[in-house]
Amino acid sequence: MGGGAPAQGRALGRQGQKTVRKLLEAGLIEFDERGFQAARVDDVVRRANISHGTFYLYFSNKDDLFKTLLRDALDGMKVITDEFPVVTRNESGRAALRAWVRRFCDVYAEHATVLRILTQAEVVGEEVYGDGLRQLFRLAEAMTQGMTVGAGPATADGDGSGPLSEHAELTAVACLMMLERVNYLLCVEVQLPRDEMVDRLSAIMYAAFHLS
């Protein structure tokens, strides 16, 4: 990553990239241990063993540092959004969905601290929260498409009992909220059997779109 606002538009050498990485790693630890509001630039530079002056060569402030971490997390979420499979009504479809849910859990775990803070709209502000919300809806759209395109036509009676419900988008959002909350619990050291949760989550999502 190329750093925050002060570093944009200039190429970073190997040392600059190393410094950015140290600051980001230190910031991530501070955000995780202290929370977004309590973490300070003083804490970050002390942990990274880097001067304040050097910090401001790459980041404007604490918020800028967090936005850089968030950009990385959202890039990861964009990748799994693009990877959402076409879920057919057979064992192959179930397996594809299960594999994607496992991948989602892996990406969430990699960026857990940032994603956890992102859910706190009152902490990070509207602009940052809005970036996360837009990615959420992009993922919901991909999920809706992937879960319905292979399911066949909806029933004509309009009661939502066929393969495709008229509320598929809302179903996708509900499934995503479930995924996020379970992964939140997994990442705050709640003892849940991860493999069993992946199986259960994918089974619930499969059934939610009337594919079972």
N, C-alpha and C. Protein backbone atom coordinates (compact mmCIF):
# COMPACT_ATOMS: atom_id res chain seq x y z
N MET A 1 0.84 -1.20 0.00
CA MET A 1 0.00 0.00 0.00
C MET A 1 0.87 1.24 0.00
N GLY A 2 0.38 2.28 -0.64
CA GLY A 2 1.19 3.48 -0.83
C GLY A 2 1.07 4.53 0.24
N GLY A 3 0.44 4.24 1.35
CA GLY A 3 0.31 5.22 2.41
C GLY A 3 -0.95 6.04 2.27
N GLY A 4 -1.06 7.07 3.13
CA GLY A 4 -2.24 7.91 3.15
C GLY A 4 -2.12 9.11 2.23
N ALA A 5 -2.88 10.16 2.55
CA ALA A 5 -2.98 11.33 1.69
C ALA A 5 -1.64 11.98 1.37
N PRO A 6 -0.74 12.20 2.33
CA PRO A 6 0.53 12.87 2.01
C PRO A 6 1.41 12.08 1.04
N ALA A 7 1.22 10.76 0.99
CA ALA A 7 2.07 9.92 0.14
C ALA A 7 1.47 9.68 -1.24
N GLN A 8 0.23 10.12 -1.44
CA GLN A 8 -0.40 9.88 -2.73
C GLN A 8 0.28 10.71 -3.82
N GLY A 9 0.45 10.11 -4.98
CA GLY A 9 1.03 10.85 -6.10
C GLY A 9 2.54 10.80 -6.15
N ARG A 10 3.16 10.10 -5.20
CA ARG A 10 4.60 9.95 -5.28
C ARG A 10 4.98 8.48 -5.09
N ALA A 11 5.97 8.06 -5.83
CA ALA A 11 6.41 6.68 -5.75
C ALA A 11 7.24 6.49 -4.48
N LEU A 12 6.98 5.41 -3.79
CA LEU A 12 7.72 5.12 -2.57
C LEU A 12 8.80 4.09 -2.86
N GLY A 13 10.00 4.37 -2.37
CA GLY A 13 11.09 3.40 -2.48
C GLY A 13 10.91 2.27 -1.50
N ARG A 14 11.87 1.38 -1.49
CA ARG A 14 11.77 0.21 -0.60
C ARG A 14 11.69 0.63 0.86
N GLN A 15 12.49 1.62 1.26
CA GLN A 15 12.47 2.07 2.65
C GLN A 15 11.14 2.73 2.99
N GLY A 16 10.62 3.52 2.07
CA GLY A 16 9.33 4.16 2.30
C GLY A 16 8.22 3.13 2.45
N GLN A 17 8.23 2.11 1.61
CA GLN A 17 7.22 1.06 1.71
C GLN A 17 7.35 0.31 3.03
N LYS A 18 8.58 0.08 3.46
CA LYS A 18 8.80 -0.59 4.74
C LYS A 18 8.28 0.25 5.90
N THR A 19 8.49 1.56 5.81
CA THR A 19 8.02 2.46 6.87
C THR A 19 6.50 2.48 6.92
N VAL A 20 5.88 2.57 5.77
CA VAL A 20 4.41 2.54 5.70
C VAL A 20 3.89 1.26 6.32
N ARG A 21 4.49 0.14 5.96
CA ARG A 21 4.04 -1.15 6.49
C ARG A 21 4.18 -1.19 8.01
N LYS A 22 5.28 -0.68 8.56
CA LYS A 22 5.47 -0.67 10.01
C LYS A 22 4.41 0.18 10.69
N LEU A 23 4.10 1.33 10.10
CA LEU A 23 3.09 2.22 10.70
C LEU A 23 1.70 1.58 10.63
N LEU A 24 1.40 0.93 9.53
CA LEU A 24 0.10 0.28 9.40
C LEU A 24 -0.03 -0.87 10.39
N GLU A 25 1.01 -1.66 10.53
CA GLU A 25 0.97 -2.78 11.48
C GLU A 25 0.84 -2.27 12.91
N ALA A 26 1.57 -1.20 13.23
CA ALA A 26 1.47 -0.62 14.57
C ALA A 26 0.08 -0.04 14.80
N GLY A 27 -0.46 0.65 13.79
CA GLY A 27 -1.79 1.22 13.91
C GLY A 27 -2.84 0.16 14.11
N LEU A 28 -2.71 -0.94 13.40
CA LEU A 28 -3.68 -2.03 13.52
C LEU A 28 -3.69 -2.59 14.93
N ILE A 29 -2.51 -2.75 15.52
CA ILE A 29 -2.42 -3.27 16.89
C ILE A 29 -3.04 -2.27 17.87
N GLU A 30 -2.74 -0.99 17.69
CA GLU A 30 -3.28 0.03 18.59
C GLU A 30 -4.80 0.11 18.49
N PHE A 31 -5.33 0.05 17.27
CA PHE A 31 -6.78 0.08 17.09
C PHE A 31 -7.42 -1.15 17.74
N ASP A 32 -6.75 -2.28 17.62
CA ASP A 32 -7.28 -3.52 18.18
C ASP A 32 -7.28 -3.48 19.70
N GLU A 33 -6.18 -2.99 20.28
CA GLU A 33 -6.04 -3.02 21.74
C GLU A 33 -6.78 -1.88 22.43
N ARG A 34 -6.77 -0.69 21.82
CA ARG A 34 -7.32 0.50 22.47
C ARG A 34 -8.68 0.91 21.93
N GLY A 35 -9.02 0.46 20.73
CA GLY A 35 -10.21 0.97 20.06
C GLY A 35 -9.85 2.19 19.23
N PHE A 36 -10.71 2.54 18.29
CA PHE A 36 -10.41 3.64 17.38
C PHE A 36 -10.28 4.98 18.10
N GLN A 37 -11.21 5.26 18.99
CA GLN A 37 -11.24 6.57 19.63
C GLN A 37 -10.05 6.79 20.57
N ALA A 38 -9.67 5.74 21.30
CA ALA A 38 -8.60 5.89 22.30
C ALA A 38 -7.21 5.85 21.68
N ALA A 39 -7.05 5.22 20.54
CA ALA A 39 -5.72 5.14 19.91
C ALA A 39 -5.26 6.53 19.48
N ARG A 40 -3.96 6.80 19.63
CA ARG A 40 -3.40 8.10 19.28
C ARG A 40 -2.19 7.90 18.36
N VAL A 41 -1.87 8.97 17.63
CA VAL A 41 -0.67 8.93 16.79
C VAL A 41 0.55 8.67 17.65
N ASP A 42 0.60 9.26 18.85
CA ASP A 42 1.72 9.02 19.77
C ASP A 42 1.93 7.52 20.01
N ASP A 43 0.82 6.81 20.21
CA ASP A 43 0.90 5.38 20.48
C ASP A 43 1.43 4.62 19.25
N VAL A 44 0.97 5.03 18.08
CA VAL A 44 1.37 4.34 16.85
C VAL A 44 2.86 4.51 16.59
N VAL A 45 3.35 5.75 16.67
CA VAL A 45 4.77 5.98 16.36
C VAL A 45 5.67 5.35 17.42
N ARG A 46 5.21 5.32 18.66
CA ARG A 46 6.00 4.68 19.71
C ARG A 46 6.12 3.18 19.45
N ARG A 47 5.01 2.56 19.08
CA ARG A 47 5.03 1.13 18.82
C ARG A 47 5.87 0.81 17.57
N ALA A 48 5.78 1.67 16.56
CA ALA A 48 6.53 1.45 15.32
C ALA A 48 7.98 1.88 15.43
N ASN A 49 8.31 2.59 16.51
CA ASN A 49 9.66 3.13 16.70
C ASN A 49 10.05 4.05 15.54
N ILE A 50 9.12 4.94 15.22
CA ILE A 50 9.28 5.88 14.11
C ILE A 50 8.91 7.27 14.63
N SER A 51 9.56 8.30 14.14
CA SER A 51 9.32 9.65 14.63
C SER A 51 7.98 10.21 14.15
N HIS A 52 7.48 11.21 14.87
CA HIS A 52 6.26 11.90 14.44
C HIS A 52 6.44 12.51 13.05
N GLY A 53 7.58 13.11 12.82
CA GLY A 53 7.82 13.75 11.53
C GLY A 53 7.72 12.77 10.38
N THR A 54 8.27 11.59 10.59
CA THR A 54 8.19 10.56 9.55
C THR A 54 6.75 10.10 9.35
N PHE A 55 6.01 9.96 10.45
CA PHE A 55 4.59 9.58 10.33
C PHE A 55 3.86 10.51 9.39
N TYR A 56 4.05 11.81 9.57
CA TYR A 56 3.30 12.79 8.78
C TYR A 56 3.79 12.92 7.34
N LEU A 57 4.88 12.24 7.01
CA LEU A 57 5.27 12.14 5.60
C LEU A 57 4.35 11.20 4.83
N TYR A 58 3.69 10.30 5.57
CA TYR A 58 2.90 9.25 4.93
C TYR A 58 1.41 9.30 5.27
N PHE A 59 1.07 9.87 6.41
CA PHE A 59 -0.32 9.92 6.85
C PHE A 59 -0.63 11.29 7.45
N SER A 60 -1.82 11.79 7.18
CA SER A 60 -2.23 13.10 7.69
C SER A 60 -2.52 13.06 9.18
N ASN A 61 -3.14 11.96 9.62
CA ASN A 61 -3.56 11.82 11.01
C ASN A 61 -4.01 10.38 11.24
N LYS A 62 -4.57 10.14 12.39
CA LYS A 62 -5.04 8.79 12.73
C LYS A 62 -6.13 8.33 11.77
N ASP A 63 -7.04 9.22 11.42
CA ASP A 63 -8.13 8.87 10.51
C ASP A 63 -7.60 8.44 9.15
N ASP A 64 -6.58 9.14 8.68
CA ASP A 64 -5.98 8.81 7.39
C ASP A 64 -5.34 7.42 7.44
N LEU A 65 -4.70 7.10 8.55
CA LEU A 65 -4.11 5.78 8.73
C LEU A 65 -5.19 4.71 8.69
N PHE A 66 -6.29 4.95 9.38
CA PHE A 66 -7.37 3.97 9.39
C PHE A 66 -7.97 3.80 7.99
N LYS A 67 -8.13 4.90 7.26
CA LYS A 67 -8.70 4.81 5.91
C LYS A 67 -7.82 3.96 4.99
N THR A 68 -6.50 4.03 5.21
CA THR A 68 -5.60 3.21 4.40
C THR A 68 -5.79 1.73 4.74
N LEU A 69 -5.91 1.42 6.02
CA LEU A 69 -6.21 0.04 6.42
C LEU A 69 -7.56 -0.40 5.88
N LEU A 70 -8.53 0.51 5.90
CA LEU A 70 -9.86 0.18 5.40
C LEU A 70 -9.83 -0.08 3.90
N ARG A 71 -9.03 0.69 3.18
CA ARG A 71 -8.93 0.50 1.73
C ARG A 71 -8.45 -0.92 1.42
N ASP A 72 -7.50 -1.40 2.21
CA ASP A 72 -7.00 -2.76 2.03
C ASP A 72 -8.09 -3.78 2.34
N ALA A 73 -8.84 -3.55 3.42
CA ALA A 73 -9.91 -4.47 3.80
C ALA A 73 -11.01 -4.51 2.74
N LEU A 74 -11.38 -3.34 2.22
CA LEU A 74 -12.43 -3.29 1.20
C LEU A 74 -11.97 -3.91 -0.11
N ASP A 75 -10.68 -3.80 -0.39
CA ASP A 75 -10.14 -4.48 -1.57
C ASP A 75 -10.30 -6.00 -1.42
N GLY A 76 -10.05 -6.50 -0.20
CA GLY A 76 -10.24 -7.92 0.05
C GLY A 76 -11.69 -8.32 -0.11
N MET A 77 -12.60 -7.48 0.37
CA MET A 77 -14.02 -7.76 0.22
C MET A 77 -14.47 -7.69 -1.23
N LYS A 78 -13.85 -6.80 -2.00
CA LYS A 78 -14.18 -6.70 -3.42
C LYS A 78 -13.78 -7.98 -4.15
N VAL A 79 -12.63 -8.54 -3.77
CA VAL A 79 -12.17 -9.78 -4.40
C VAL A 79 -13.19 -10.90 -4.16
N ILE A 80 -13.65 -11.06 -2.91
CA ILE A 80 -14.59 -12.16 -2.67
C ILE A 80 -15.97 -11.84 -3.23
N THR A 81 -16.28 -10.55 -3.41
CA THR A 81 -17.52 -10.20 -4.10
C THR A 81 -17.48 -10.70 -5.54
N ASP A 82 -16.35 -10.45 -6.20
CA ASP A 82 -16.19 -10.89 -7.58
C ASP A 82 -16.14 -12.42 -7.69
N GLU A 83 -15.77 -13.09 -6.60
CA GLU A 83 -15.64 -14.54 -6.62
C GLU A 83 -16.93 -15.28 -6.28
N PHE A 84 -18.01 -14.55 -5.96
CA PHE A 84 -19.22 -15.26 -5.54
C PHE A 84 -19.70 -16.17 -6.68
N PRO A 85 -19.93 -17.44 -6.39
CA PRO A 85 -20.22 -18.40 -7.47
C PRO A 85 -21.68 -18.41 -7.88
N VAL A 86 -21.95 -19.05 -9.01
CA VAL A 86 -23.32 -19.39 -9.38
C VAL A 86 -23.67 -20.65 -8.61
N VAL A 87 -24.67 -20.55 -7.75
CA VAL A 87 -25.02 -21.66 -6.86
C VAL A 87 -26.18 -22.44 -7.47
N THR A 88 -25.87 -23.58 -8.03
CA THR A 88 -26.86 -24.43 -8.67
C THR A 88 -27.56 -25.31 -7.66
N ARG A 89 -28.67 -25.91 -8.08
CA ARG A 89 -29.48 -26.71 -7.16
C ARG A 89 -29.02 -28.16 -7.15
N ASN A 90 -27.77 -28.36 -6.78
CA ASN A 90 -27.21 -29.71 -6.68
C ASN A 90 -26.02 -29.66 -5.71
N GLU A 91 -25.38 -30.80 -5.52
CA GLU A 91 -24.29 -30.86 -4.57
C GLU A 91 -23.11 -29.98 -4.99
N SER A 92 -22.92 -29.84 -6.31
CA SER A 92 -21.86 -28.97 -6.80
C SER A 92 -22.11 -27.53 -6.36
N GLY A 93 -23.37 -27.10 -6.43
CA GLY A 93 -23.72 -25.75 -5.99
C GLY A 93 -23.51 -25.58 -4.49
N ARG A 94 -23.89 -26.58 -3.73
CA ARG A 94 -23.68 -26.52 -2.27
C ARG A 94 -22.19 -26.41 -1.95
N ALA A 95 -21.39 -27.19 -2.65
CA ALA A 95 -19.95 -27.18 -2.39
C ALA A 95 -19.33 -25.83 -2.75
N ALA A 96 -19.78 -25.25 -3.86
CA ALA A 96 -19.27 -23.94 -4.27
C ALA A 96 -19.61 -22.87 -3.24
N LEU A 97 -20.84 -22.91 -2.72
CA LEU A 97 -21.25 -21.94 -1.70
C LEU A 97 -20.46 -22.14 -0.41
N ARG A 98 -20.29 -23.39 -0.02
CA ARG A 98 -19.53 -23.69 1.21
C ARG A 98 -18.09 -23.16 1.09
N ALA A 99 -17.49 -23.37 -0.07
CA ALA A 99 -16.12 -22.90 -0.28
C ALA A 99 -16.05 -21.38 -0.22
N TRP A 100 -17.08 -20.71 -0.76
CA TRP A 100 -17.08 -19.24 -0.72
C TRP A 100 -17.26 -18.73 0.71
N VAL A 101 -18.14 -19.36 1.47
CA VAL A 101 -18.34 -18.95 2.86
C VAL A 101 -17.03 -19.09 3.64
N ARG A 102 -16.29 -20.18 3.40
CA ARG A 102 -15.01 -20.35 4.06
C ARG A 102 -14.05 -19.24 3.66
N ARG A 103 -14.05 -18.87 2.39
CA ARG A 103 -13.19 -17.78 1.91
C ARG A 103 -13.59 -16.46 2.57
N PHE A 104 -14.88 -16.21 2.70
CA PHE A 104 -15.36 -15.00 3.38
C PHE A 104 -14.82 -14.97 4.81
N CYS A 105 -14.89 -16.11 5.51
CA CYS A 105 -14.40 -16.17 6.89
C CYS A 105 -12.91 -15.87 6.95
N ASP A 106 -12.15 -16.36 5.98
CA ASP A 106 -10.71 -16.12 5.95
C ASP A 106 -10.41 -14.63 5.77
N VAL A 107 -11.12 -13.99 4.82
CA VAL A 107 -10.89 -12.57 4.56
C VAL A 107 -11.32 -11.74 5.76
N TYR A 108 -12.44 -12.09 6.37
CA TYR A 108 -12.90 -11.35 7.55
C TYR A 108 -11.87 -11.45 8.67
N ALA A 109 -11.35 -12.66 8.88
CA ALA A 109 -10.36 -12.84 9.95
C ALA A 109 -9.11 -12.01 9.68
N GLU A 110 -8.71 -11.91 8.42
CA GLU A 110 -7.51 -11.15 8.06
C GLU A 110 -7.68 -9.67 8.37
N HIS A 111 -8.89 -9.16 8.23
CA HIS A 111 -9.15 -7.72 8.41
C HIS A 111 -10.13 -7.47 9.57
N ALA A 112 -10.17 -8.38 10.53
CA ALA A 112 -11.21 -8.34 11.57
C ALA A 112 -11.23 -7.03 12.34
N THR A 113 -10.07 -6.52 12.74
CA THR A 113 -10.04 -5.29 13.54
C THR A 113 -10.66 -4.13 12.79
N VAL A 114 -10.28 -3.97 11.53
CA VAL A 114 -10.79 -2.85 10.73
C VAL A 114 -12.29 -3.02 10.48
N LEU A 115 -12.72 -4.22 10.12
CA LEU A 115 -14.14 -4.45 9.83
C LEU A 115 -14.99 -4.29 11.08
N ARG A 116 -14.44 -4.68 12.22
CA ARG A 116 -15.17 -4.51 13.47
C ARG A 116 -15.37 -3.03 13.78
N ILE A 117 -14.33 -2.23 13.60
CA ILE A 117 -14.45 -0.78 13.83
C ILE A 117 -15.40 -0.15 12.83
N LEU A 118 -15.39 -0.65 11.61
CA LEU A 118 -16.23 -0.09 10.55
C LEU A 118 -17.71 -0.19 10.89
N THR A 119 -18.10 -1.18 11.67
CA THR A 119 -19.51 -1.33 12.02
C THR A 119 -19.98 -0.26 13.01
N GLN A 120 -19.04 0.50 13.56
CA GLN A 120 -19.37 1.53 14.56
C GLN A 120 -19.48 2.88 13.86
N ALA A 121 -20.63 3.14 13.27
CA ALA A 121 -20.80 4.35 12.46
C ALA A 121 -20.52 5.62 13.24
N GLU A 122 -20.89 5.64 14.52
CA GLU A 122 -20.72 6.86 15.31
C GLU A 122 -19.25 7.12 15.61
N VAL A 123 -18.40 6.10 15.43
CA VAL A 123 -16.97 6.24 15.71
C VAL A 123 -16.21 6.71 14.48
N VAL A 124 -16.46 6.09 13.35
CA VAL A 124 -15.64 6.34 12.16
C VAL A 124 -16.17 7.46 11.28
N GLY A 125 -17.42 7.88 11.46
CA GLY A 125 -17.97 8.96 10.67
C GLY A 125 -18.68 8.47 9.42
N GLU A 126 -19.52 9.33 8.86
CA GLU A 126 -20.39 8.94 7.74
C GLU A 126 -19.62 8.54 6.49
N GLU A 127 -18.57 9.29 6.17
CA GLU A 127 -17.85 9.01 4.92
C GLU A 127 -17.24 7.62 4.93
N VAL A 128 -16.55 7.29 6.00
CA VAL A 128 -15.89 5.99 6.11
C VAL A 128 -16.93 4.89 6.21
N TYR A 129 -17.95 5.09 7.02
CA TYR A 129 -19.01 4.09 7.18
C TYR A 129 -19.71 3.87 5.84
N GLY A 130 -19.89 4.95 5.08
CA GLY A 130 -20.55 4.85 3.78
C GLY A 130 -19.77 3.99 2.81
N ASP A 131 -18.44 4.04 2.85
CA ASP A 131 -17.61 3.19 1.99
C ASP A 131 -17.90 1.73 2.27
N GLY A 132 -17.97 1.39 3.54
CA GLY A 132 -18.26 0.01 3.91
C GLY A 132 -19.66 -0.40 3.51
N LEU A 133 -20.61 0.51 3.66
CA LEU A 133 -22.00 0.20 3.33
C LEU A 133 -22.16 -0.05 1.83
N ARG A 134 -21.47 0.74 1.02
CA ARG A 134 -21.55 0.54 -0.43
C ARG A 134 -20.98 -0.82 -0.83
N GLN A 135 -19.88 -1.21 -0.17
CA GLN A 135 -19.31 -2.53 -0.47
C GLN A 135 -20.26 -3.63 -0.04
N LEU A 136 -20.95 -3.43 1.07
CA LEU A 136 -21.92 -4.40 1.54
C LEU A 136 -23.01 -4.63 0.49
N PHE A 137 -23.53 -3.55 -0.07
CA PHE A 137 -24.60 -3.69 -1.04
C PHE A 137 -24.10 -4.27 -2.36
N ARG A 138 -22.84 -3.99 -2.73
CA ARG A 138 -22.28 -4.64 -3.91
C ARG A 138 -22.20 -6.14 -3.70
N LEU A 139 -21.81 -6.54 -2.49
CA LEU A 139 -21.74 -7.96 -2.18
C LEU A 139 -23.14 -8.58 -2.16
N ALA A 140 -24.11 -7.85 -1.63
CA ALA A 140 -25.49 -8.35 -1.62
C ALA A 140 -26.00 -8.54 -3.05
N GLU A 141 -25.66 -7.63 -3.95
CA GLU A 141 -26.06 -7.78 -5.35
C GLU A 141 -25.43 -9.02 -5.98
N ALA A 142 -24.13 -9.22 -5.72
CA ALA A 142 -23.45 -10.39 -6.26
C ALA A 142 -24.05 -11.68 -5.69
N MET A 143 -24.38 -11.67 -4.42
CA MET A 143 -24.98 -12.83 -3.80
C MET A 143 -26.36 -13.11 -4.39
N THR A 144 -27.16 -12.07 -4.56
CA THR A 144 -28.48 -12.23 -5.15
C THR A 144 -28.38 -12.87 -6.53
N GLN A 145 -27.46 -12.36 -7.34
CA GLN A 145 -27.28 -12.89 -8.69
C GLN A 145 -26.81 -14.34 -8.65
N GLY A 146 -25.80 -14.61 -7.84
CA GLY A 146 -25.24 -15.95 -7.80
C GLY A 146 -26.19 -16.99 -7.23
N MET A 147 -27.03 -16.57 -6.28
CA MET A 147 -27.94 -17.52 -5.64
C MET A 147 -29.20 -17.75 -6.45
N THR A 148 -29.53 -16.85 -7.36
CA THR A 148 -30.80 -16.98 -8.09
C THR A 148 -30.64 -17.41 -9.54
N VAL A 149 -29.50 -17.10 -10.16
CA VAL A 149 -29.36 -17.37 -11.58
C VAL A 149 -29.38 -18.86 -11.88
N GLY A 150 -28.92 -19.65 -10.95
CA GLY A 150 -28.90 -21.09 -11.18
C GLY A 150 -30.08 -21.82 -10.60
N ALA A 151 -31.06 -21.09 -10.08
CA ALA A 151 -32.17 -21.72 -9.37
C ALA A 151 -33.37 -22.00 -10.24
N GLY A 152 -33.40 -21.46 -11.46
CA GLY A 152 -34.56 -21.66 -12.31
C GLY A 152 -35.57 -20.56 -12.11
N PRO A 153 -36.65 -20.54 -12.89
CA PRO A 153 -37.64 -19.46 -12.83
C PRO A 153 -38.47 -19.51 -11.56
N ALA A 154 -38.90 -18.36 -11.14
CA ALA A 154 -39.76 -18.28 -9.96
C ALA A 154 -41.16 -18.79 -10.29
N THR A 155 -41.89 -19.20 -9.27
CA THR A 155 -43.26 -19.64 -9.48
C THR A 155 -44.13 -18.46 -9.82
N ALA A 156 -45.21 -18.73 -10.52
CA ALA A 156 -46.07 -17.66 -11.02
C ALA A 156 -47.09 -17.20 -10.01
N ASP A 157 -47.22 -17.91 -8.88
CA ASP A 157 -48.29 -17.53 -7.94
C ASP A 157 -47.92 -16.33 -7.10
N GLY A 158 -46.65 -15.94 -7.15
CA GLY A 158 -46.25 -14.70 -6.48
C GLY A 158 -46.20 -14.80 -4.98
N ASP A 159 -46.27 -16.02 -4.41
CA ASP A 159 -46.27 -16.10 -2.95
C ASP A 159 -44.87 -16.25 -2.37
N GLY A 160 -43.87 -16.22 -3.25
CA GLY A 160 -42.50 -16.30 -2.76
C GLY A 160 -42.08 -17.68 -2.33
N SER A 161 -42.89 -18.71 -2.66
CA SER A 161 -42.56 -20.05 -2.21
C SER A 161 -41.70 -20.82 -3.20
N GLY A 162 -41.50 -20.27 -4.40
CA GLY A 162 -40.70 -20.93 -5.41
C GLY A 162 -39.23 -20.67 -5.21
N PRO A 163 -38.40 -21.10 -6.18
CA PRO A 163 -36.95 -20.94 -6.04
C PRO A 163 -36.51 -19.50 -5.87
N LEU A 164 -37.20 -18.58 -6.53
CA LEU A 164 -36.80 -17.18 -6.45
C LEU A 164 -37.88 -16.37 -5.76
N SER A 165 -37.57 -15.83 -4.65
CA SER A 165 -38.50 -14.94 -3.97
C SER A 165 -38.35 -13.53 -4.51
N GLU A 166 -39.43 -12.78 -4.49
CA GLU A 166 -39.36 -11.38 -4.92
C GLU A 166 -38.53 -10.54 -3.95
N HIS A 167 -38.21 -11.09 -2.82
CA HIS A 167 -37.41 -10.38 -1.83
C HIS A 167 -35.99 -10.93 -1.77
N ALA A 168 -35.46 -11.38 -2.89
CA ALA A 168 -34.14 -12.01 -2.91
C ALA A 168 -33.05 -11.06 -2.41
N GLU A 169 -33.16 -9.78 -2.76
CA GLU A 169 -32.14 -8.82 -2.32
C GLU A 169 -32.13 -8.68 -0.81
N LEU A 170 -33.33 -8.64 -0.22
CA LEU A 170 -33.40 -8.54 1.24
C LEU A 170 -32.87 -9.82 1.89
N THR A 171 -33.14 -10.95 1.28
CA THR A 171 -32.61 -12.21 1.78
C THR A 171 -31.09 -12.18 1.77
N ALA A 172 -30.51 -11.65 0.69
CA ALA A 172 -29.05 -11.55 0.60
C ALA A 172 -28.49 -10.66 1.70
N VAL A 173 -29.11 -9.53 1.95
CA VAL A 173 -28.65 -8.63 3.01
C VAL A 173 -28.74 -9.32 4.37
N ALA A 174 -29.84 -10.04 4.61
CA ALA A 174 -30.00 -10.75 5.88
C ALA A 174 -28.91 -11.81 6.04
N CYS A 175 -28.60 -12.52 4.97
CA CYS A 175 -27.54 -13.53 5.02
C CYS A 175 -26.19 -12.89 5.31
N LEU A 176 -25.94 -11.74 4.72
CA LEU A 176 -24.67 -11.04 4.96
C LEU A 176 -24.57 -10.57 6.41
N MET A 177 -25.68 -10.07 6.96
CA MET A 177 -25.66 -9.66 8.36
C MET A 177 -25.35 -10.85 9.27
N MET A 178 -25.91 -12.00 8.94
CA MET A 178 -25.63 -13.21 9.69
C MET A 178 -24.15 -13.58 9.58
N LEU A 179 -23.61 -13.55 8.37
CA LEU A 179 -22.20 -13.86 8.16
C LEU A 179 -21.30 -12.93 8.96
N GLU A 180 -21.61 -11.64 8.92
CA GLU A 180 -20.77 -10.66 9.61
C GLU A 180 -20.80 -10.87 11.12
N ARG A 181 -21.98 -11.08 11.68
CA ARG A 181 -22.08 -11.23 13.13
C ARG A 181 -21.40 -12.50 13.62
N VAL A 182 -21.57 -13.60 12.91
CA VAL A 182 -20.92 -14.84 13.32
C VAL A 182 -19.41 -14.69 13.23
N ASN A 183 -18.92 -14.06 12.17
CA ASN A 183 -17.48 -13.86 12.05
C ASN A 183 -16.95 -12.88 13.08
N TYR A 184 -17.76 -11.92 13.45
CA TYR A 184 -17.38 -11.02 14.54
C TYR A 184 -17.15 -11.83 15.82
N LEU A 185 -18.06 -12.73 16.13
CA LEU A 185 -17.93 -13.55 17.33
C LEU A 185 -16.70 -14.45 17.24
N LEU A 186 -16.45 -15.01 16.06
CA LEU A 186 -15.29 -15.87 15.89
C LEU A 186 -13.98 -15.12 16.13
N CYS A 187 -14.00 -13.81 15.83
CA CYS A 187 -12.77 -13.01 15.91
C CYS A 187 -12.59 -12.32 17.26
N VAL A 188 -13.54 -12.46 18.16
CA VAL A 188 -13.36 -11.89 19.50
C VAL A 188 -13.23 -13.02 20.53
N GLU A 189 -12.71 -14.13 20.06
CA GLU A 189 -12.34 -15.25 20.92
C GLU A 189 -13.53 -15.92 21.59
N VAL A 190 -14.69 -15.86 20.93
CA VAL A 190 -15.81 -16.68 21.37
C VAL A 190 -15.57 -18.09 20.82
N GLN A 191 -15.70 -19.08 21.67
CA GLN A 191 -15.38 -20.45 21.27
C GLN A 191 -16.51 -21.04 20.45
N LEU A 192 -16.38 -20.92 19.12
CA LEU A 192 -17.32 -21.53 18.19
C LEU A 192 -16.54 -22.46 17.26
N PRO A 193 -17.09 -23.62 16.94
CA PRO A 193 -16.39 -24.54 16.03
C PRO A 193 -16.43 -23.99 14.61
N ARG A 194 -15.30 -23.53 14.11
CA ARG A 194 -15.26 -22.79 12.84
C ARG A 194 -15.76 -23.63 11.67
N ASP A 195 -15.27 -24.84 11.53
CA ASP A 195 -15.67 -25.67 10.39
C ASP A 195 -17.17 -25.96 10.43
N GLU A 196 -17.67 -26.25 11.62
CA GLU A 196 -19.10 -26.52 11.75
C GLU A 196 -19.91 -25.27 11.44
N MET A 197 -19.40 -24.09 11.83
CA MET A 197 -20.11 -22.85 11.53
C MET A 197 -20.14 -22.59 10.03
N VAL A 198 -19.04 -22.87 9.34
CA VAL A 198 -19.02 -22.71 7.88
C VAL A 198 -20.09 -23.59 7.24
N ASP A 199 -20.18 -24.85 7.68
CA ASP A 199 -21.18 -25.77 7.15
C ASP A 199 -22.59 -25.26 7.44
N ARG A 200 -22.81 -24.80 8.66
CA ARG A 200 -24.15 -24.36 9.05
C ARG A 200 -24.54 -23.08 8.33
N LEU A 201 -23.62 -22.13 8.22
CA LEU A 201 -23.90 -20.87 7.53
C LEU A 201 -24.25 -21.11 6.07
N SER A 202 -23.47 -21.95 5.39
CA SER A 202 -23.74 -22.21 3.98
C SER A 202 -25.07 -22.94 3.81
N ALA A 203 -25.40 -23.84 4.73
CA ALA A 203 -26.67 -24.55 4.65
C ALA A 203 -27.85 -23.59 4.83
N ILE A 204 -27.72 -22.67 5.78
CA ILE A 204 -28.79 -21.69 6.01
C ILE A 204 -28.97 -20.80 4.79
N MET A 205 -27.87 -20.34 4.21
CA MET A 205 -27.95 -19.48 3.03
C MET A 205 -28.59 -20.23 1.86
N TYR A 206 -28.20 -21.49 1.69
CA TYR A 206 -28.76 -22.30 0.60
C TYR A 206 -30.26 -22.43 0.76
N ALA A 207 -30.70 -22.72 1.98
CA ALA A 207 -32.14 -22.88 2.24
C ALA A 207 -32.89 -21.56 2.14
N ALA A 208 -32.22 -20.46 2.52
CA ALA A 208 -32.88 -19.15 2.52
C ALA A 208 -33.34 -18.74 1.12
N PHE A 209 -32.62 -19.21 0.10
CA PHE A 209 -33.00 -18.89 -1.27
C PHE A 209 -33.82 -20.01 -1.91
N HIS A 210 -34.44 -20.85 -1.08
CA HIS A 210 -35.35 -21.91 -1.55
C HIS A 210 -34.66 -22.86 -2.52
N LEU A 211 -33.38 -23.15 -2.24
CA LEU A 211 -32.66 -24.07 -3.11
C LEU A 211 -32.69 -25.50 -2.58
N SER A 212 -33.20 -25.67 -1.36
CA SER A 212 -33.21 -27.01 -0.79
C SER A 212 -34.55 -27.69 -1.06
